[in-house]
C-alpha atoms as a PDB file:
ATOM      1  CA  MET A   1     -18.357 -10.501  11.482  1.00  0.00           C
ATOM      2  CA  CYS A   2     -17.478 -11.553   7.944  1.00  0.00           C
ATOM      3  CA  TYR A   3     -19.702 -10.979   4.947  1.00  0.00           C
ATOM      4  CA  ASN A   4     -19.606 -12.841   1.668  1.00  0.00           C
ATOM      5  CA  MET A   5     -19.727 -10.907  -1.624  1.00  0.00           C
ATOM      6  CA  MET A   6     -19.858  -7.506   0.093  1.00  0.00           C
ATOM      7  CA  LYS A   7     -19.541  -4.580  -2.308  1.00  0.00           C
ATOM      8  CA  VAL A   8     -16.652  -2.378  -1.274  1.00  0.00           C
ATOM      9  CA  GLY A   9     -18.006   0.695  -3.104  1.00  0.00           C
ATOM     10  CA  ASP A  10     -16.265   3.868  -4.079  1.00  0.00           C
ATOM     11  CA  ALA A  11     -13.350   5.474  -2.290  1.00  0.00           C
ATOM     12  CA  PHE A  12     -14.154   7.105   1.007  1.00  0.00           C
ATOM     13  CA  ASN A  13     -14.439  10.856   0.389  1.00  0.00           C
ATOM     14  CA  GLY A  14     -15.418  12.246   3.779  1.00  0.00           C
ATOM     15  CA  GLY A  15     -13.303  13.742   6.522  1.00  0.00           C
ATOM     16  CA  ALA A  16     -10.703  11.626   8.267  1.00  0.00           C
ATOM     17  CA  PHE A  17     -12.006   9.779  11.341  1.00  0.00           C
ATOM     18  CA  MET A  18      -8.619   8.723  12.721  1.00  0.00           C
ATOM     19  CA  ASP A  19      -4.924   9.499  12.506  1.00  0.00           C
ATOM     20  CA  TYR A  20      -3.480   6.570  10.572  1.00  0.00           C
ATOM     21  CA  SER A  21      -4.680   3.769   8.283  1.00  0.00           C
ATOM     22  CA  VAL A  22      -2.125   0.958   7.794  1.00  0.00           C
ATOM     23  CA  ILE A  23      -2.592  -0.923   4.520  1.00  0.00           C
ATOM     24  CA  ILE A  24      -1.025  -4.400   4.345  1.00  0.00           C
ATOM     25  CA  PRO A  25      -1.393  -6.575   1.249  1.00  0.00           C
ATOM     26  CA  VAL A  26      -1.205 -10.243   2.241  1.00  0.00           C
ATOM     27  CA  TYR A  27      -0.205 -13.279   0.172  1.00  0.00           C
ATOM     28  CA  ASN A  28       0.548 -16.584   1.920  1.00  0.00           C
ATOM     29  CA  SER A  29       1.939 -14.880   5.016  1.00  0.00           C
ATOM     30  CA  SER A  30       0.184 -16.733   7.801  1.00  0.00           C
ATOM     31  CA  GLY A  31       3.430 -17.122   9.780  1.00  0.00           C
ATOM     32  CA  SER A  32       4.101 -13.347  10.102  1.00  0.00           C
ATOM     33  CA  LEU A  33       0.668 -11.862  10.582  1.00  0.00           C
ATOM     34  CA  MET A  34       0.372 -12.036  14.382  1.00  0.00           C
ATOM     35  CA  GLU A  35       3.830 -10.568  14.994  1.00  0.00           C
ATOM     36  CA  LEU A  36       3.203  -7.851  12.430  1.00  0.00           C
ATOM     37  CA  LEU A  37      -0.146  -6.834  13.911  1.00  0.00           C
ATOM     38  CA  GLU A  38       1.257  -6.784  17.450  1.00  0.00           C
ATOM     39  CA  GLU A  39       4.103  -4.533  16.279  1.00  0.00           C
ATOM     40  CA  VAL A  40       1.750  -2.089  14.587  1.00  0.00           C
ATOM     41  CA  GLU A  41      -0.648  -1.957  17.492  1.00  0.00           C
ATOM     42  CA  GLY A  42       2.156  -1.522  19.974  1.00  0.00           C
ATOM     43  CA  PHE A  43       3.662   1.320  18.007  1.00  0.00           C
ATOM     44  CA  PHE A  44       0.497   3.398  17.834  1.00  0.00           C
ATOM     45  CA  LYS A  45      -0.276   2.746  21.471  1.00  0.00           C
ATOM     46  CA  THR A  46       3.177   4.091  22.341  1.00  0.00           C
ATOM     47  CA  ILE A  47       2.800   7.303  20.331  1.00  0.00           C
ATOM     48  CA  GLY A  48      -0.823   7.797  21.381  1.00  0.00           C
ATOM     49  CA  LYS A  49      -2.385   8.024  17.903  1.00  0.00           C
ATOM     50  CA  SER A  50      -5.554   6.408  16.662  1.00  0.00           C
ATOM     51  CA  HIS A  51      -5.234   3.878  13.869  1.00  0.00           C
ATOM     52  CA  GLU A  52      -6.799   1.130  11.865  1.00  0.00           C
ATOM     53  CA  VAL A  53      -5.166  -1.860  10.157  1.00  0.00           C
ATOM     54  CA  ILE A  54      -6.510  -2.921   6.740  1.00  0.00           C
ATOM     55  CA  PHE A  55      -5.441  -6.354   5.468  1.00  0.00           C
ATOM     56  CA  ILE A  56      -5.933  -7.162   1.787  1.00  0.00           C
ATOM     57  CA  ASP A  57      -5.759 -10.936   1.299  1.00  0.00           C
ATOM     58  CA  ASP A  58      -4.774 -11.519  -2.329  1.00  0.00           C
ATOM     59  CA  CYS A  59      -6.295 -15.011  -2.500  1.00  0.00           C
ATOM     60  CA  SER A  60      -3.795 -16.656  -0.094  1.00  0.00           C
ATOM     61  CA  GLN A  61      -3.763 -20.453   0.027  1.00  0.00           C
ATOM     62  CA  ASP A  62      -2.078 -20.977   3.394  1.00  0.00           C
ATOM     63  CA  GLY A  63      -4.788 -20.044   5.873  1.00  0.00           C
ATOM     64  CA  SER A  64      -3.941 -16.343   6.088  1.00  0.00           C
ATOM     65  CA  TRP A  65      -7.581 -15.354   5.706  1.00  0.00           C
ATOM     66  CA  GLY A  66      -8.659 -17.402   8.717  1.00  0.00           C
ATOM     67  CA  ILE A  67      -6.079 -15.631  10.838  1.00  0.00           C
ATOM     68  CA  ILE A  68      -7.275 -12.241   9.565  1.00  0.00           C
ATOM     69  CA  GLU A  69     -10.861 -13.173  10.354  1.00  0.00           C
ATOM     70  CA  ASP A  70      -9.856 -13.924  13.940  1.00  0.00           C
ATOM     71  CA  PHE A  71      -8.156 -10.520  14.157  1.00  0.00           C
ATOM     72  CA  ALA A  72     -11.290  -8.736  12.993  1.00  0.00           C
ATOM     73  CA  ARG A  73     -13.494 -10.601  15.488  1.00  0.00           C
ATOM     74  CA  SER A  74     -11.314  -9.633  18.407  1.00  0.00           C
ATOM     75  CA  ARG A  75     -10.104  -6.170  17.473  1.00  0.00           C
ATOM     76  CA  ALA A  76     -12.176  -3.134  16.558  1.00  0.00           C
ATOM     77  CA  ASP A  77      -9.289  -1.548  14.649  1.00  0.00           C
ATOM     78  CA  VAL A  78      -8.865  -4.338  12.081  1.00  0.00           C
ATOM     79  CA  LYS A  79     -10.780  -4.772   8.827  1.00  0.00           C
ATOM     80  CA  ALA A  80      -9.959  -6.652   5.644  1.00  0.00           C
ATOM     81  CA  ILE A  81     -11.106  -7.960   2.270  1.00  0.00           C
ATOM     82  CA  ARG A  82     -10.229 -11.138   0.433  1.00  0.00           C
ATOM     83  CA  PHE A  83      -9.944 -11.455  -3.340  1.00  0.00           C
ATOM     84  CA  ASN A  84     -11.375 -14.569  -4.964  1.00  0.00           C
ATOM     85  CA  ARG A  85      -8.378 -14.666  -7.325  1.00  0.00           C
ATOM     86  CA  ASN A  86      -4.849 -13.316  -7.177  1.00  0.00           C
ATOM     87  CA  LYS A  87      -4.773  -9.692  -8.352  1.00  0.00           C
ATOM     88  CA  GLY A  88      -1.294  -8.543  -7.401  1.00  0.00           C
ATOM     89  CA  GLN A  89       0.188  -6.139  -4.876  1.00  0.00           C
ATOM     90  CA  GLN A  90      -0.620  -2.914  -6.709  1.00  0.00           C
ATOM     91  CA  TYR A  91      -4.296  -3.715  -7.091  1.00  0.00           C
ATOM     92  CA  ALA A  92      -4.459  -4.807  -3.446  1.00  0.00           C
ATOM     93  CA  LEU A  93      -2.951  -1.540  -2.247  1.00  0.00           C
ATOM     94  CA  LEU A  94      -5.441   0.536  -4.183  1.00  0.00           C
ATOM     95  CA  LYS A  95      -8.380  -1.431  -2.784  1.00  0.00           C
ATOM     96  CA  GLY A  96      -6.959  -1.027   0.722  1.00  0.00           C
ATOM     97  CA  LEU A  97      -6.584   2.725   0.288  1.00  0.00           C
ATOM     98  CA  ALA A  98     -10.233   2.863  -0.869  1.00  0.00           C
ATOM     99  CA  MET A  99     -11.190   1.726   2.676  1.00  0.00           C
ATOM    100  CA  ALA A 100      -8.777   4.044   4.517  1.00  0.00           C
ATOM    101  CA  GLU A 101     -10.265   6.614   6.926  1.00  0.00           C
ATOM    102  CA  GLY A 102      -7.080   8.071   8.303  1.00  0.00           C
ATOM    103  CA  THR A 103      -5.513  11.495   7.874  1.00  0.00           C
ATOM    104  CA  TYR A 104      -2.486   9.521   6.732  1.00  0.00           C
ATOM    105  CA  ALA A 105      -2.180   6.102   5.139  1.00  0.00           C
ATOM    106  CA  VAL A 106       0.796   3.858   5.684  1.00  0.00           C
ATOM    107  CA  THR A 107       1.604   1.057   3.194  1.00  0.00           C
ATOM    108  CA  MET A 108       3.938  -1.735   4.248  1.00  0.00           C
ATOM    109  CA  ASP A 109       4.778  -5.318   3.350  1.00  0.00           C
ATOM    110  CA  ASP A 110       3.556  -8.425   5.143  1.00  0.00           C
ATOM    111  CA  ASP A 111       6.924 -10.131   5.587  1.00  0.00           C
ATOM    112  CA  LEU A 112       8.301  -8.160   8.581  1.00  0.00           C
ATOM    113  CA  GLN A 113      11.066  -6.514   6.556  1.00  0.00           C
ATOM    114  CA  HIS A 114       9.588  -3.099   7.256  1.00  0.00           C
ATOM    115  CA  ASP A 115       9.884  -1.830  10.851  1.00  0.00           C
ATOM    116  CA  ILE A 116       6.795   0.183  11.883  1.00  0.00           C
ATOM    117  CA  ASN A 117       8.980   2.064  14.364  1.00  0.00           C
ATOM    118  CA  ASP A 118      10.680   3.766  11.443  1.00  0.00           C
ATOM    119  CA  LEU A 119       7.562   5.873  11.078  1.00  0.00           C
ATOM    120  CA  LEU A 120       9.132   7.996  13.753  1.00  0.00           C
ATOM    121  CA  LYS A 121      11.587   9.149  11.054  1.00  0.00           C
ATOM    122  CA  MET A 122       8.843   9.616   8.428  1.00  0.00           C
ATOM    123  CA  ILE A 123       6.153  11.440  10.430  1.00  0.00           C
ATOM    124  CA  PRO A 124       8.251  14.613  11.080  1.00  0.00           C
ATOM    125  CA  LEU A 125       8.789  14.958   7.321  1.00  0.00           C
ATOM    126  CA  ALA A 126       5.047  14.730   6.754  1.00  0.00           C
ATOM    127  CA  GLU A 127       4.373  17.236   9.484  1.00  0.00           C
ATOM    128  CA  ALA A 128       6.877  19.603   7.886  1.00  0.00           C
ATOM    129  CA  GLY A 129       4.900  19.605   4.625  1.00  0.00           C
ATOM    130  CA  SER A 130       5.691  16.467   2.626  1.00  0.00           C
ATOM    131  CA  ASP A 131       2.510  14.844   1.440  1.00  0.00           C
ATOM    132  CA  LEU A 132       4.285  11.641   0.316  1.00  0.00           C
ATOM    133  CA  VAL A 133       7.186  10.109   2.239  1.00  0.00           C
ATOM    134  CA  PHE A 134       8.998   6.932   1.209  1.00  0.00           C
ATOM    135  CA  GLY A 135      10.954   4.832   3.712  1.00  0.00           C
ATOM    136  CA  ILE A 136      14.203   3.976   1.893  1.00  0.00           C
ATOM    137  CA  TYR A 137      16.897   1.440   2.640  1.00  0.00           C
ATOM    138  CA  GLU A 138      20.402   2.807   2.349  1.00  0.00           C
ATOM    139  CA  GLU A 139      21.129   0.168  -0.312  1.00  0.00           C
ATOM    140  CA  TYR A 140      18.939  -1.765  -2.667  1.00  0.00           C
ATOM    141  CA  GLY A 141      18.550  -5.244  -1.115  1.00  0.00           C
ATOM    142  CA  SER A 142      19.622  -7.845  -3.617  1.00  0.00           C
ATOM    143  CA  ARG A 143      22.426  -7.159  -6.043  1.00  0.00           C
ATOM    144  CA  GLY A 144      22.766  -8.122  -9.683  1.00  0.00           C
ATOM    145  CA  LEU A 145      19.803  -8.325 -12.068  1.00  0.00           C
ATOM    146  CA  ARG A 146      17.091  -7.962  -9.410  1.00  0.00           C
ATOM    147  CA  SER A 147      18.740  -4.761  -8.126  1.00  0.00           C
ATOM    148  CA  PHE A 148      19.101  -3.478 -11.658  1.00  0.00           C
ATOM    149  CA  GLY A 149      15.340  -3.944 -12.206  1.00  0.00           C
ATOM    150  CA  SER A 150      14.457  -1.923  -9.071  1.00  0.00           C
ATOM    151  CA  LYS A 151      16.856   0.834 -10.063  1.00  0.00           C
ATOM    152  CA  PHE A 152      15.408   0.919 -13.591  1.00  0.00           C
ATOM    153  CA  ILE A 153      11.899   1.460 -12.276  1.00  0.00           C
ATOM    154  CA  GLY A 154      13.225   4.333 -10.189  1.00  0.00           C
ATOM    155  CA  TYR A 155      14.972   5.818 -13.204  1.00  0.00           C
ATOM    156  CA  ILE A 156      11.741   5.640 -15.248  1.00  0.00           C
ATOM    157  CA  LEU A 157       9.737   7.282 -12.459  1.00  0.00           C
ATOM    158  CA  ARG A 158      12.260  10.127 -12.094  1.00  0.00           C
ATOM    159  CA  SER A 159      12.210  10.717 -15.837  1.00  0.00           C
ATOM    160  CA  GLN A 160       8.385  11.059 -15.846  1.00  0.00           C
ATOM    161  CA  PHE A 161       7.761  12.821 -12.520  1.00  0.00           C
ATOM    162  CA  HIS A 162       9.891  15.868 -11.942  1.00  0.00           C
ATOM    163  CA  ASN A 163       8.495  16.265  -8.433  1.00  0.00           C
ATOM    164  CA  LEU A 164      10.318  13.066  -7.474  1.00  0.00           C
ATOM    165  CA  GLY A 165      13.666  14.787  -8.127  1.00  0.00           C
ATOM    166  CA  LYS A 166      16.534  12.690  -6.739  1.00  0.00           C
ATOM    167  CA  MET A 167      14.268  10.844  -4.315  1.00  0.00           C
ATOM    168  CA  ARG A 168      13.665   7.103  -4.437  1.00  0.00           C
ATOM    169  CA  VAL A 169      10.444   5.128  -4.086  1.00  0.00           C
ATOM    170  CA  SER A 170       9.589   2.038  -2.056  1.00  0.00           C
ATOM    171  CA  SER A 171       6.599   0.030  -0.839  1.00  0.00           C
ATOM    172  CA  PHE A 172       6.950   1.617   2.641  1.00  0.00           C
ATOM    173  CA  ARG A 173       5.022   4.853   2.269  1.00  0.00           C
ATOM    174  CA  LEU A 174       3.381   7.575   4.377  1.00  0.00           C
ATOM    175  CA  ILE A 175       0.670   9.318   2.347  1.00  0.00           C
ATOM    176  CA  HIS A 176      -1.592  12.226   3.207  1.00  0.00           C
ATOM    177  CA  ASN A 177      -5.221  11.570   2.482  1.00  0.00           C
ATOM    178  CA  THR A 178      -5.468  14.477   0.043  1.00  0.00           C
ATOM    179  CA  VAL A 179      -3.047  12.568  -2.207  1.00  0.00           C
ATOM    180  CA  PHE A 180      -4.461   9.037  -2.012  1.00  0.00           C
ATOM    181  CA  THR A 181      -8.025  10.277  -2.333  1.00  0.00           C
ATOM    182  CA  MET A 182      -7.149  11.970  -5.619  1.00  0.00           C
ATOM    183  CA  ALA A 183      -5.212   8.931  -6.776  1.00  0.00           C
ATOM    184  CA  LEU A 184      -8.221   6.674  -6.229  1.00  0.00           C
ATOM    185  CA  LYS A 185     -10.240   8.720  -8.697  1.00  0.00           C
ATOM    186  CA  GLU A 186      -8.068   7.560 -11.606  1.00  0.00           C
ATOM    187  CA  GLU A 187      -9.382   4.675 -13.733  1.00  0.00           C
ATOM    188  CA  ARG A 188      -6.562   3.014 -15.599  1.00  0.00           C
ATOM    189  CA  ALA A 189      -6.176  -0.409 -17.172  1.00  0.00           C
ATOM    190  CA  PHE A 190      -2.822  -0.572 -15.344  1.00  0.00           C
ATOM    191  CA  SER A 191      -2.054   1.131 -12.038  1.00  0.00           C
ATOM    192  CA  TYR A 192       1.278   1.444 -10.239  1.00  0.00           C
ATOM    193  CA  LEU A 193       0.749   3.021  -6.845  1.00  0.00           C
ATOM    194  CA  SER A 194       3.898   5.084  -6.607  1.00  0.00           C
ATOM    195  CA  ALA A 195       3.278   6.568 -10.046  1.00  0.00           C
ATOM    196  CA  GLU A 196      -0.373   7.223  -9.184  1.00  0.00           C
ATOM    197  CA  LEU A 197       0.618   9.051  -5.991  1.00  0.00           C
ATOM    198  CA  LEU A 198       3.352  11.056  -7.729  1.00  0.00           C
ATOM    199  CA  THR A 199       0.756  12.297 -10.184  1.00  0.00           C
ATOM    200  CA  HIS A 200      -1.063  14.051  -7.356  1.00  0.00           C
ATOM    201  CA  CYS A 201       1.467  14.908  -4.647  1.00  0.00           C
ATOM    202  CA  THR A 202       3.213  18.216  -4.118  1.00  0.00           C
ATOM    203  CA  LYS A 203       6.302  17.412  -2.053  1.00  0.00           C
ATOM    204  CA  VAL A 204       8.129  14.063  -1.840  1.00  0.00           C
ATOM    205  CA  SER A 205      10.620  13.118   0.875  1.00  0.00           C
ATOM    206  CA  ASN A 206      12.758  10.144   1.761  1.00  0.00           C
ATOM    207  CA  ALA A 207      13.541   8.783   5.227  1.00  0.00           C
ATOM    208  CA  SER A 208      16.295   6.282   5.842  1.00  0.00           C
ATOM    209  CA  VAL A 209      14.785   3.126   7.370  1.00  0.00           C
ATOM    210  CA  THR A 210      15.930  -0.228   8.681  1.00  0.00           C
ATOM    211  CA  ARG A 211      16.050  -3.292   6.477  1.00  0.00           C
ATOM    212  CA  ARG A 212      15.188  -6.321   8.532  1.00  0.00           C
ATOM    213  CA  SER A 213      15.939  -9.817   7.377  1.00  0.00           C
ATOM    214  CA  ARG A 214      13.151 -11.450   5.414  1.00  0.00           C
ATOM    215  CA  ILE A 215      11.787 -14.274   7.588  1.00  0.00           C
ATOM    216  CA  TYR A 216       8.811 -15.306   5.479  1.00  0.00           C
ATOM    217  CA  GLY A 217       8.353 -15.612   1.738  1.00  0.00           C
ATOM    218  CA  LYS A 218      10.389 -14.031  -1.034  1.00  0.00           C
ATOM    219  CA  SER A 219      10.078 -11.114  -3.358  1.00  0.00           C
ATOM    220  CA  GLY A 220       7.965 -11.577  -6.492  1.00  0.00           C
ATOM    221  CA  TYR A 221       9.721  -8.744  -8.283  1.00  0.00           C
ATOM    222  CA  THR A 222      12.010 -10.486 -10.758  1.00  0.00           C
ATOM    223  CA  LEU A 223      14.057  -8.613 -13.345  1.00  0.00           C
ATOM    224  CA  ARG A 224      11.507  -9.494 -16.005  1.00  0.00           C
ATOM    225  CA  LYS A 225       8.630  -8.155 -13.889  1.00  0.00           C
ATOM    226  CA  CYS A 226      10.516  -4.962 -13.131  1.00  0.00           C
ATOM    227  CA  LEU A 227      11.194  -4.319 -16.792  1.00  0.00           C
ATOM    228  CA  THR A 228       7.537  -5.019 -17.652  1.00  0.00           C
ATOM    229  CA  ILE A 229       6.431  -2.538 -14.973  1.00  0.00           C
ATOM    230  CA  SER A 230       8.832   0.071 -16.334  1.00  0.00           C
ATOM    231  CA  LEU A 231       7.401  -0.213 -19.850  1.00  0.00           C
ATOM    232  CA  LYS A 232       3.841   0.023 -18.550  1.00  0.00           C
ATOM    233  CA  ILE A 233       4.726   3.112 -16.494  1.00  0.00           C
ATOM    234  CA  LEU A 234       5.940   4.753 -19.680  1.00  0.00           C
ATOM    235  CA  LEU A 235       2.747   3.807 -21.477  1.00  0.00           C
ATOM    236  CA  TYR A 236       0.235   4.698 -18.785  1.00  0.00           C
ATOM    237  CA  TYR A 237       2.045   7.532 -16.936  1.00  0.00           C
ATOM    238  CA  GLY A 238       4.286   9.072 -19.633  1.00  0.00           C
ATOM    239  CA  ARG A 239       3.986  12.815 -20.011  1.00  0.00           C
ATOM    240  CA  TYR A 240       2.297  12.419 -23.379  1.00  0.00           C
ATOM    241  CA  THR A 241       0.494   9.119 -22.898  1.00  0.00           C
ATOM    242  CA  LYS A 242      -0.707   9.013 -19.298  1.00  0.00           C
ATOM    243  CA  ARG A 243      -4.307   9.719 -20.396  1.00  0.00           C
ATOM    244  CA  PHE A 244      -4.117   7.278 -23.284  1.00  0.00           C
ATOM    245  CA  ILE A 245      -5.710   4.096 -21.983  1.00  0.00           C
ATOM    246  CA  ARG A 246      -8.318   4.136 -19.225  1.00  0.00           C
ATOM    247  CA  LYS A 247     -11.107   1.858 -18.042  1.00  0.00           C
ATOM    248  CA  VAL A 248     -13.678   1.661 -15.289  1.00  0.00           C
ATOM    249  CA  ASP A 249     -12.801  -1.222 -12.929  1.00  0.00           C
ATOM    250  CA  GLU A 250     -15.849  -3.219 -11.790  1.00  0.00           C
ATOM    251  CA  ASN A 251     -13.934  -4.501  -8.772  1.00  0.00           C
ATOM    252  CA  GLU A 252     -16.806  -5.856  -6.660  1.00  0.00           C
ATOM    253  CA  GLU A 253     -16.815  -9.184  -8.508  1.00  0.00           C
ATOM    254  CA  ASN A 254     -13.303  -9.868  -7.219  1.00  0.00           C
ATOM    255  CA  ILE A 255     -14.308  -9.642  -3.542  1.00  0.00           C
ATOM    256  CA  ASP A 256     -15.570 -12.749  -1.724  1.00  0.00           C
ATOM    257  CA  GLY A 257     -15.089 -11.697   1.874  1.00  0.00           C
ATOM    258  CA  TRP A 258     -15.093  -8.704   4.201  1.00  0.00           C
ATOM    259  CA  CYS A 259     -14.086  -8.543   7.821  1.00  0.00           C
ATOM    260  CA  GLY A 260     -14.366  -5.771  10.338  1.00  0.00           C
ATOM    261  CA  LYS A 261     -16.495  -2.700  10.892  1.00  0.00           C
ATOM    262  CA  LEU A 262     -17.847  -1.061   7.766  1.00  0.00           C
ATOM    263  CA  PRO A 263     -17.217   2.671   7.395  1.00  0.00           C
ATOM    264  CA  ALA A 264     -20.399   4.638   8.062  1.00  0.00           C
ATOM    265  CA  GLN A 265     -20.703   5.596   4.395  1.00  0.00           C
ATOM    266  CA  ARG A 266     -21.073   1.932   3.432  1.00  0.00           C
ATOM    267  CA  ASN A 267     -23.563   0.793   6.047  1.00  0.00           C
END
């Protein structure tokens, strides 16, 4: 069932009810959603672990929400929210994590570039003690200015977070719930998920993963956007300024749809 104007509420703070929560921000990705969901469900069935899939529709205009609604009606392990205006990937990820009930959360893109089977390389690192694991391509995808922007964000993060060391960050993450639960308690005017997680994690690892060809859509991370993000990371997460600007986010007004089974704490 879908509810209009449901209040999402605060982050879930109880014990984990399942093994994995998969968080997928969605923007105009109607063509990839079915294949993506089938891959995720097939993977967890194969490894015998419980899971949920949380779609965050960032005000798509191509019918993505209708597809997600159909998923939620037919599958008990799918839930989602839809924003009434475009809020961006970072905001969507945080709202998805606020609904996560797994011992671990997985964040991945909606365009099929990430291969869920690569979790087989990431899970052993988590089980060995890493509370934050990034799935990393051997090379940055595009070259030139776009690649420079991604590398610059990585440089800024390494300069501010010594626990990152020589590791790299990506949007394909495996996160222990002790880390993302703490991250959700922060109230900043600007949030960048990797920086938020690095603030609270103890051990970071990288796993080499497969880069699949992008079939749908294109990256929204231009050089200009990457440089803007880097400057904001310095402002909001710098060693001397990370407590400088904060605000409480009244996020409920941005939600105009909910699909799937509500966690018990929100019934």
